[in-house]
């Protein structure tokens, strides 16, 4: 069975899913972001098979989201976020906020996020880069962009 090539679609959501749409990938990125960077640590935290973890790490490195960095005199590596990966974690923070709101239940969110700038526990909010107002799905129109493919 051949997998659809989402990376070839003229859609930024599809292209992003091509990088991180497989369910283990966001969890791997989360682990690396919070400081779980070595293969064995990631595997233990997620309970993922060695084969799947190897494939996912290779994919994320190949896509420029993670980088391998030696951490021992033996050929051992840890994984670190690239600038591209750090920006992708921003998307995961927004996803976590959605999960906290709609799926956390009575127990509440499993983790909280403290903002470095003000020291307060907060949630991420999307805002317009031009005017600073909140930017939600009902607040925008989708227009053709320069990368639109016309037939």
N, C-alpha and C. Protein backbone atom coordinates (compact mmCIF):
# COMPACT_ATOMS: atom_id res chain seq x y z
N UNK A 1 0.84 -1.17 0.00
CA UNK A 1 0.00 0.00 0.00
C UNK A 1 0.89 1.25 0.00
N UNK A 2 0.70 2.11 -0.95
CA UNK A 2 1.52 3.31 -1.08
C UNK A 2 0.90 4.45 -0.27
N UNK A 3 1.74 5.14 0.47
CA UNK A 3 1.30 6.26 1.30
C UNK A 3 1.16 7.51 0.44
N UNK A 4 0.15 8.30 0.72
CA UNK A 4 -0.03 9.56 0.02
C UNK A 4 1.13 10.49 0.35
N UNK A 5 1.66 11.17 -0.65
CA UNK A 5 2.76 12.11 -0.45
C UNK A 5 2.18 13.49 -0.11
N UNK A 6 1.95 13.71 1.18
CA UNK A 6 1.38 14.98 1.62
C UNK A 6 2.33 16.14 1.36
N UNK A 7 3.64 15.86 1.33
CA UNK A 7 4.62 16.91 1.10
C UNK A 7 4.54 17.52 -0.29
N UNK A 8 3.94 16.81 -1.23
CA UNK A 8 3.82 17.31 -2.60
C UNK A 8 2.54 18.14 -2.81
N UNK A 9 1.66 18.16 -1.83
CA UNK A 9 0.41 18.91 -1.98
C UNK A 9 0.66 20.41 -1.84
N UNK A 10 -0.12 21.19 -2.53
CA UNK A 10 -0.03 22.65 -2.43
C UNK A 10 -0.88 23.11 -1.25
N UNK A 11 -0.49 22.66 -0.06
CA UNK A 11 -1.23 22.98 1.17
C UNK A 11 -0.22 22.93 2.33
N UNK A 12 -0.10 24.02 3.05
CA UNK A 12 0.87 24.08 4.14
C UNK A 12 0.51 23.13 5.28
N UNK A 13 -0.76 22.86 5.51
CA UNK A 13 -1.16 21.91 6.54
C UNK A 13 -0.72 20.51 6.12
N UNK A 14 -0.97 20.14 4.88
CA UNK A 14 -0.56 18.82 4.38
C UNK A 14 0.96 18.67 4.44
N UNK A 15 1.69 19.70 4.06
CA UNK A 15 3.15 19.63 4.09
C UNK A 15 3.67 19.49 5.53
N UNK A 16 3.02 20.16 6.47
CA UNK A 16 3.40 20.03 7.88
C UNK A 16 3.10 18.62 8.37
N UNK A 17 1.95 18.08 7.98
CA UNK A 17 1.61 16.70 8.36
C UNK A 17 2.59 15.70 7.77
N UNK A 18 3.16 16.01 6.63
CA UNK A 18 4.16 15.13 6.04
C UNK A 18 5.38 15.01 6.95
N UNK A 19 5.67 16.08 7.68
CA UNK A 19 6.82 16.08 8.59
C UNK A 19 6.45 15.47 9.94
N UNK A 20 5.29 15.83 10.48
CA UNK A 20 4.99 15.50 11.87
C UNK A 20 3.62 14.87 12.07
N UNK A 21 2.99 14.40 11.01
CA UNK A 21 1.63 13.88 11.10
C UNK A 21 1.50 12.48 11.65
N UNK A 22 2.58 11.74 11.69
CA UNK A 22 2.55 10.39 12.25
C UNK A 22 2.49 10.55 13.77
N UNK A 23 1.65 9.79 14.48
CA UNK A 23 1.41 10.06 15.91
C UNK A 23 2.63 10.06 16.83
N UNK A 24 3.68 9.30 16.54
CA UNK A 24 4.84 9.29 17.44
C UNK A 24 5.67 10.56 17.32
N UNK A 25 5.69 11.19 16.16
CA UNK A 25 6.58 12.33 15.93
C UNK A 25 6.35 13.50 16.89
N UNK A 26 5.11 13.95 17.10
CA UNK A 26 4.93 15.06 18.06
C UNK A 26 5.36 14.67 19.47
N UNK A 27 5.17 13.41 19.84
CA UNK A 27 5.56 12.98 21.18
C UNK A 27 7.08 12.94 21.32
N UNK A 28 7.77 12.56 20.26
CA UNK A 28 9.24 12.59 20.26
C UNK A 28 9.73 14.03 20.38
N UNK A 29 9.12 14.93 19.61
CA UNK A 29 9.49 16.34 19.69
C UNK A 29 9.24 16.89 21.09
N UNK A 30 8.12 16.53 21.69
CA UNK A 30 7.83 16.96 23.05
C UNK A 30 8.91 16.50 24.01
N UNK A 31 9.30 15.22 23.91
CA UNK A 31 10.33 14.69 24.79
C UNK A 31 11.65 15.45 24.63
N UNK A 32 12.07 15.68 23.40
CA UNK A 32 13.33 16.39 23.16
C UNK A 32 13.23 17.81 23.71
N UNK A 33 12.10 18.44 23.53
CA UNK A 33 11.88 19.81 24.02
C UNK A 33 12.02 19.90 25.53
N UNK A 34 11.50 18.90 26.25
CA UNK A 34 11.56 18.95 27.71
C UNK A 34 12.86 18.37 28.28
N UNK A 35 13.78 17.94 27.40
CA UNK A 35 15.09 17.51 27.85
C UNK A 35 15.36 16.02 27.81
N UNK A 36 14.45 15.25 27.25
CA UNK A 36 14.66 13.81 27.09
C UNK A 36 15.25 13.63 25.69
N UNK A 37 16.58 13.48 25.60
CA UNK A 37 17.25 13.63 24.31
C UNK A 37 17.99 12.39 23.82
N UNK A 38 18.22 11.44 24.68
CA UNK A 38 18.96 10.25 24.27
C UNK A 38 18.00 9.14 23.87
N UNK A 39 18.42 8.34 22.89
CA UNK A 39 17.57 7.31 22.31
C UNK A 39 16.91 6.46 23.40
N UNK A 40 17.70 5.94 24.33
CA UNK A 40 17.18 5.04 25.36
C UNK A 40 16.17 5.75 26.26
N UNK A 41 16.43 7.03 26.54
CA UNK A 41 15.51 7.80 27.38
C UNK A 41 14.17 8.01 26.67
N UNK A 42 14.23 8.36 25.39
CA UNK A 42 13.01 8.57 24.62
C UNK A 42 12.22 7.27 24.54
N UNK A 43 12.92 6.19 24.25
CA UNK A 43 12.28 4.89 24.13
C UNK A 43 11.58 4.51 25.44
N UNK A 44 12.27 4.69 26.56
CA UNK A 44 11.70 4.34 27.86
C UNK A 44 10.50 5.23 28.19
N UNK A 45 10.59 6.52 27.89
CA UNK A 45 9.51 7.44 28.21
C UNK A 45 8.25 7.12 27.40
N UNK A 46 8.43 6.81 26.12
CA UNK A 46 7.28 6.60 25.24
C UNK A 46 6.82 5.14 25.16
N UNK A 47 7.69 4.21 25.52
CA UNK A 47 7.34 2.80 25.36
C UNK A 47 7.22 2.40 23.89
N UNK A 48 8.00 3.04 23.06
CA UNK A 48 7.98 2.84 21.61
C UNK A 48 9.02 1.78 21.24
N UNK A 49 8.78 1.04 20.18
CA UNK A 49 9.76 0.03 19.76
C UNK A 49 11.02 0.70 19.22
N UNK A 50 12.15 0.02 19.33
CA UNK A 50 13.41 0.56 18.82
C UNK A 50 13.31 0.85 17.32
N UNK A 51 12.68 -0.06 16.58
CA UNK A 51 12.56 0.09 15.13
C UNK A 51 11.77 1.35 14.77
N UNK A 52 10.62 1.53 15.40
CA UNK A 52 9.79 2.70 15.09
C UNK A 52 10.49 3.98 15.52
N UNK A 53 11.12 3.97 16.70
CA UNK A 53 11.82 5.16 17.16
C UNK A 53 12.97 5.51 16.22
N UNK A 54 13.71 4.52 15.78
CA UNK A 54 14.81 4.76 14.83
C UNK A 54 14.28 5.39 13.55
N UNK A 55 13.18 4.86 13.03
CA UNK A 55 12.58 5.40 11.79
C UNK A 55 12.11 6.84 11.99
N UNK A 56 11.43 7.11 13.09
CA UNK A 56 10.90 8.45 13.36
C UNK A 56 12.03 9.46 13.56
N UNK A 57 13.06 9.08 14.32
CA UNK A 57 14.19 9.99 14.53
C UNK A 57 14.90 10.28 13.22
N UNK A 58 15.10 9.26 12.41
CA UNK A 58 15.74 9.46 11.10
C UNK A 58 14.91 10.44 10.26
N UNK A 59 13.60 10.25 10.24
CA UNK A 59 12.71 11.12 9.46
C UNK A 59 12.79 12.56 9.96
N UNK A 60 12.76 12.75 11.27
CA UNK A 60 12.79 14.11 11.83
C UNK A 60 14.13 14.79 11.60
N UNK A 61 15.21 14.02 11.63
CA UNK A 61 16.54 14.57 11.32
C UNK A 61 16.61 14.91 9.83
N UNK A 62 16.14 14.00 9.00
CA UNK A 62 16.15 14.21 7.55
C UNK A 62 15.35 15.45 7.16
N UNK A 63 14.27 15.73 7.86
CA UNK A 63 13.42 16.88 7.57
C UNK A 63 13.91 18.16 8.21
N UNK A 64 15.02 18.08 8.96
CA UNK A 64 15.61 19.28 9.54
C UNK A 64 14.95 19.79 10.80
N UNK A 65 14.15 18.94 11.45
CA UNK A 65 13.44 19.33 12.67
C UNK A 65 14.28 19.00 13.90
N UNK A 66 15.02 17.91 13.84
CA UNK A 66 15.95 17.51 14.88
C UNK A 66 17.35 17.42 14.29
N UNK A 67 18.35 17.54 15.15
CA UNK A 67 19.75 17.31 14.76
C UNK A 67 20.33 16.30 15.75
N UNK A 68 21.25 15.49 15.25
CA UNK A 68 21.98 14.55 16.11
C UNK A 68 23.25 15.23 16.58
N UNK A 69 23.54 15.07 17.88
CA UNK A 69 24.74 15.69 18.44
C UNK A 69 25.45 14.64 19.31
N UNK A 70 26.75 14.41 19.06
CA UNK A 70 27.47 13.44 19.90
C UNK A 70 27.51 13.92 21.35
N UNK A 71 27.37 12.98 22.29
CA UNK A 71 27.43 13.35 23.69
C UNK A 71 28.39 12.49 24.49
N UNK A 72 29.10 11.59 23.83
CA UNK A 72 30.00 10.69 24.53
C UNK A 72 31.20 10.44 23.62
N UNK A 73 32.28 9.93 24.20
CA UNK A 73 33.45 9.62 23.37
C UNK A 73 33.16 8.44 22.45
N UNK A 74 32.24 7.58 22.87
CA UNK A 74 31.80 6.50 21.97
C UNK A 74 30.83 7.11 20.97
N UNK A 75 30.58 6.45 19.89
CA UNK A 75 29.63 7.03 18.93
C UNK A 75 28.19 6.97 19.46
N UNK A 76 27.87 7.86 20.39
CA UNK A 76 26.53 7.96 20.95
C UNK A 76 26.03 9.37 20.68
N UNK A 77 24.74 9.46 20.42
CA UNK A 77 24.18 10.75 20.03
C UNK A 77 22.96 11.08 20.88
N UNK A 78 22.74 12.37 21.01
CA UNK A 78 21.49 12.86 21.55
C UNK A 78 20.83 13.68 20.46
N UNK A 79 19.57 13.93 20.63
CA UNK A 79 18.81 14.66 19.64
C UNK A 79 18.44 16.03 20.21
N UNK A 80 18.60 17.06 19.39
CA UNK A 80 18.28 18.42 19.79
C UNK A 80 17.39 19.05 18.74
N UNK A 81 16.57 19.98 19.18
CA UNK A 81 15.71 20.70 18.25
C UNK A 81 16.53 21.69 17.43
N UNK A 82 16.25 21.76 16.16
CA UNK A 82 16.80 22.81 15.31
C UNK A 82 15.88 24.03 15.46
N UNK A 83 16.22 25.13 14.82
CA UNK A 83 15.32 26.29 14.83
C UNK A 83 13.96 25.90 14.24
N UNK A 84 14.00 25.12 13.19
CA UNK A 84 12.77 24.65 12.54
C UNK A 84 11.95 23.80 13.53
N UNK A 85 12.62 22.95 14.29
CA UNK A 85 11.96 22.11 15.27
C UNK A 85 11.40 22.91 16.43
N UNK A 86 12.15 23.90 16.89
CA UNK A 86 11.69 24.74 17.99
C UNK A 86 10.41 25.47 17.60
N UNK A 87 10.35 25.95 16.37
CA UNK A 87 9.14 26.63 15.91
C UNK A 87 7.97 25.65 15.79
N UNK A 88 8.26 24.41 15.44
CA UNK A 88 7.22 23.39 15.36
C UNK A 88 6.67 23.06 16.75
N UNK A 89 7.49 23.15 17.78
CA UNK A 89 7.03 22.94 19.15
C UNK A 89 5.98 24.00 19.52
N UNK A 90 6.08 25.19 18.95
CA UNK A 90 5.05 26.21 19.18
C UNK A 90 3.68 25.68 18.79
N UNK A 91 3.62 24.95 17.69
CA UNK A 91 2.36 24.34 17.24
C UNK A 91 1.89 23.31 18.27
N UNK A 92 2.83 22.54 18.81
CA UNK A 92 2.48 21.53 19.81
C UNK A 92 1.94 22.18 21.09
N UNK A 93 2.46 23.34 21.45
CA UNK A 93 1.96 24.06 22.63
C UNK A 93 0.50 24.45 22.41
N UNK A 94 0.18 24.90 21.21
CA UNK A 94 -1.21 25.24 20.89
C UNK A 94 -2.08 23.98 20.91
N UNK A 95 -1.55 22.87 20.37
CA UNK A 95 -2.29 21.61 20.43
C UNK A 95 -2.54 21.18 21.86
N UNK A 96 -1.54 21.34 22.73
CA UNK A 96 -1.70 20.98 24.14
C UNK A 96 -2.80 21.81 24.78
N UNK A 97 -2.86 23.09 24.44
CA UNK A 97 -3.92 23.95 24.97
C UNK A 97 -5.29 23.46 24.57
N UNK A 98 -5.43 23.04 23.33
CA UNK A 98 -6.70 22.49 22.85
C UNK A 98 -7.04 21.22 23.63
N UNK A 99 -6.05 20.34 23.80
CA UNK A 99 -6.26 19.11 24.56
C UNK A 99 -6.61 19.38 26.01
N UNK A 100 -5.97 20.39 26.61
CA UNK A 100 -6.28 20.78 27.99
C UNK A 100 -7.73 21.24 28.10
N UNK A 101 -8.18 22.01 27.12
CA UNK A 101 -9.55 22.55 27.16
C UNK A 101 -10.60 21.48 26.92
N UNK A 102 -10.36 20.61 25.93
CA UNK A 102 -11.42 19.72 25.49
C UNK A 102 -11.27 18.27 25.95
N UNK A 103 -10.09 17.86 26.41
CA UNK A 103 -9.88 16.44 26.70
C UNK A 103 -9.33 16.13 28.09
N UNK A 104 -8.96 17.13 28.86
CA UNK A 104 -8.30 16.89 30.15
C UNK A 104 -9.25 16.33 31.21
N UNK A 105 -10.53 16.60 31.09
CA UNK A 105 -11.48 16.10 32.06
C UNK A 105 -11.37 16.82 33.40
N UNK A 106 -11.97 16.21 34.41
CA UNK A 106 -12.01 16.83 35.74
C UNK A 106 -10.63 16.95 36.38
N UNK A 107 -9.72 16.06 36.03
CA UNK A 107 -8.38 16.09 36.62
C UNK A 107 -7.61 17.35 36.23
N UNK A 108 -7.95 17.91 35.07
CA UNK A 108 -7.26 19.10 34.60
C UNK A 108 -6.05 18.75 33.75
N UNK A 109 -5.34 19.76 33.30
CA UNK A 109 -4.19 19.54 32.42
C UNK A 109 -3.09 18.72 33.09
N UNK A 110 -2.43 17.84 32.34
CA UNK A 110 -1.35 17.05 32.92
C UNK A 110 -0.08 17.87 33.20
N UNK A 111 0.13 18.94 32.48
CA UNK A 111 1.27 19.84 32.73
C UNK A 111 0.81 21.28 32.57
N UNK A 112 1.56 22.18 33.15
CA UNK A 112 1.30 23.61 33.03
C UNK A 112 2.50 24.25 32.36
N UNK A 113 2.29 25.40 31.74
CA UNK A 113 3.37 26.12 31.06
C UNK A 113 3.57 27.48 31.72
N UNK A 114 4.79 27.71 32.24
CA UNK A 114 5.12 29.00 32.84
C UNK A 114 5.88 29.82 31.81
N UNK A 115 5.39 31.02 31.56
CA UNK A 115 5.98 31.93 30.58
C UNK A 115 7.22 32.59 31.19
N UNK A 116 8.37 32.47 30.53
CA UNK A 116 9.62 33.04 31.05
C UNK A 116 9.54 34.55 31.24
N UNK A 117 8.92 35.25 30.31
CA UNK A 117 8.93 36.72 30.35
C UNK A 117 8.23 37.29 31.57
N UNK A 118 7.09 36.68 31.98
CA UNK A 118 6.34 37.25 33.10
C UNK A 118 6.29 36.34 34.32
N UNK A 119 6.73 35.09 34.15
CA UNK A 119 6.75 34.16 35.27
C UNK A 119 5.40 33.54 35.61
N UNK A 120 4.39 33.84 34.82
CA UNK A 120 3.05 33.35 35.10
C UNK A 120 2.76 32.05 34.34
N UNK A 121 1.96 31.18 34.97
CA UNK A 121 1.46 29.99 34.27
C UNK A 121 0.36 30.49 33.34
N UNK A 122 0.46 30.10 32.08
CA UNK A 122 -0.48 30.62 31.08
C UNK A 122 -0.70 29.62 29.97
N UNK A 123 -1.53 30.00 29.04
CA UNK A 123 -1.76 29.22 27.83
C UNK A 123 -1.35 30.06 26.63
N UNK A 124 -1.06 29.40 25.54
CA UNK A 124 -0.69 30.11 24.32
C UNK A 124 -1.96 30.60 23.63
N UNK A 125 -1.85 31.72 22.97
CA UNK A 125 -2.98 32.27 22.24
C UNK A 125 -2.49 32.80 20.90
N UNK A 126 -3.20 32.47 19.84
CA UNK A 126 -2.83 32.96 18.52
C UNK A 126 -3.26 34.42 18.38
N UNK A 127 -2.34 35.23 17.87
CA UNK A 127 -2.64 36.65 17.66
C UNK A 127 -2.16 37.06 16.28
N UNK A 128 -2.81 38.04 15.71
CA UNK A 128 -2.43 38.59 14.42
C UNK A 128 -1.07 39.28 14.55
N UNK A 129 -0.18 38.98 13.63
CA UNK A 129 1.16 39.59 13.65
C UNK A 129 1.12 41.08 13.33
N UNK A 130 0.03 41.57 12.72
CA UNK A 130 -0.05 42.98 12.35
C UNK A 130 -0.71 43.84 13.42
N UNK A 131 -1.84 43.40 13.95
CA UNK A 131 -2.57 44.25 14.89
C UNK A 131 -2.56 43.74 16.33
N UNK A 132 -2.13 42.49 16.55
CA UNK A 132 -2.06 41.95 17.90
C UNK A 132 -3.37 41.40 18.44
N UNK A 133 -4.44 41.50 17.68
CA UNK A 133 -5.73 40.98 18.13
C UNK A 133 -5.74 39.45 18.05
N UNK A 134 -6.57 38.80 18.89
CA UNK A 134 -6.69 37.34 18.78
C UNK A 134 -7.07 36.92 17.37
N UNK A 135 -6.55 35.80 16.95
CA UNK A 135 -6.79 35.32 15.59
C UNK A 135 -7.26 33.87 15.67
N UNK A 136 -8.55 33.68 15.46
CA UNK A 136 -9.17 32.36 15.52
C UNK A 136 -9.75 32.03 14.15
N UNK A 137 -10.18 30.80 13.98
CA UNK A 137 -10.67 30.33 12.69
C UNK A 137 -11.78 31.22 12.12
N UNK A 138 -12.69 31.71 12.96
CA UNK A 138 -13.78 32.56 12.49
C UNK A 138 -13.37 33.98 12.21
N UNK A 139 -12.12 34.33 12.49
CA UNK A 139 -11.63 35.69 12.31
C UNK A 139 -10.83 35.89 11.03
N UNK A 140 -10.72 34.87 10.22
CA UNK A 140 -9.88 34.99 9.02
C UNK A 140 -10.62 34.50 7.78
N UNK A 141 -10.22 35.04 6.65
CA UNK A 141 -10.65 34.54 5.35
C UNK A 141 -9.45 33.86 4.72
N UNK A 142 -9.67 32.77 4.03
CA UNK A 142 -8.59 32.06 3.35
C UNK A 142 -8.57 32.54 1.91
N UNK A 143 -7.44 33.12 1.50
CA UNK A 143 -7.28 33.69 0.16
C UNK A 143 -6.19 32.93 -0.59
N UNK A 144 -6.23 32.92 -1.92
CA UNK A 144 -5.15 32.26 -2.66
C UNK A 144 -3.82 32.98 -2.40
N UNK A 145 -2.77 32.20 -2.21
CA UNK A 145 -1.44 32.75 -1.98
C UNK A 145 -0.57 32.57 -3.19
N UNK A 146 0.67 33.05 -3.13
CA UNK A 146 1.56 32.95 -4.28
C UNK A 146 1.92 31.50 -4.64
N UNK A 147 1.76 30.58 -3.70
CA UNK A 147 2.08 29.18 -3.98
C UNK A 147 0.88 28.37 -4.45
N UNK A 148 -0.23 29.03 -4.74
CA UNK A 148 -1.43 28.35 -5.21
C UNK A 148 -1.16 27.70 -6.56
N UNK A 149 -1.56 26.45 -6.68
CA UNK A 149 -1.40 25.72 -7.94
C UNK A 149 -2.69 25.88 -8.72
N UNK A 150 -2.61 26.41 -9.91
CA UNK A 150 -3.80 26.52 -10.75
C UNK A 150 -3.74 25.47 -11.84
N UNK A 151 -4.90 24.97 -12.17
CA UNK A 151 -4.95 23.88 -13.16
C UNK A 151 -5.44 24.38 -14.48
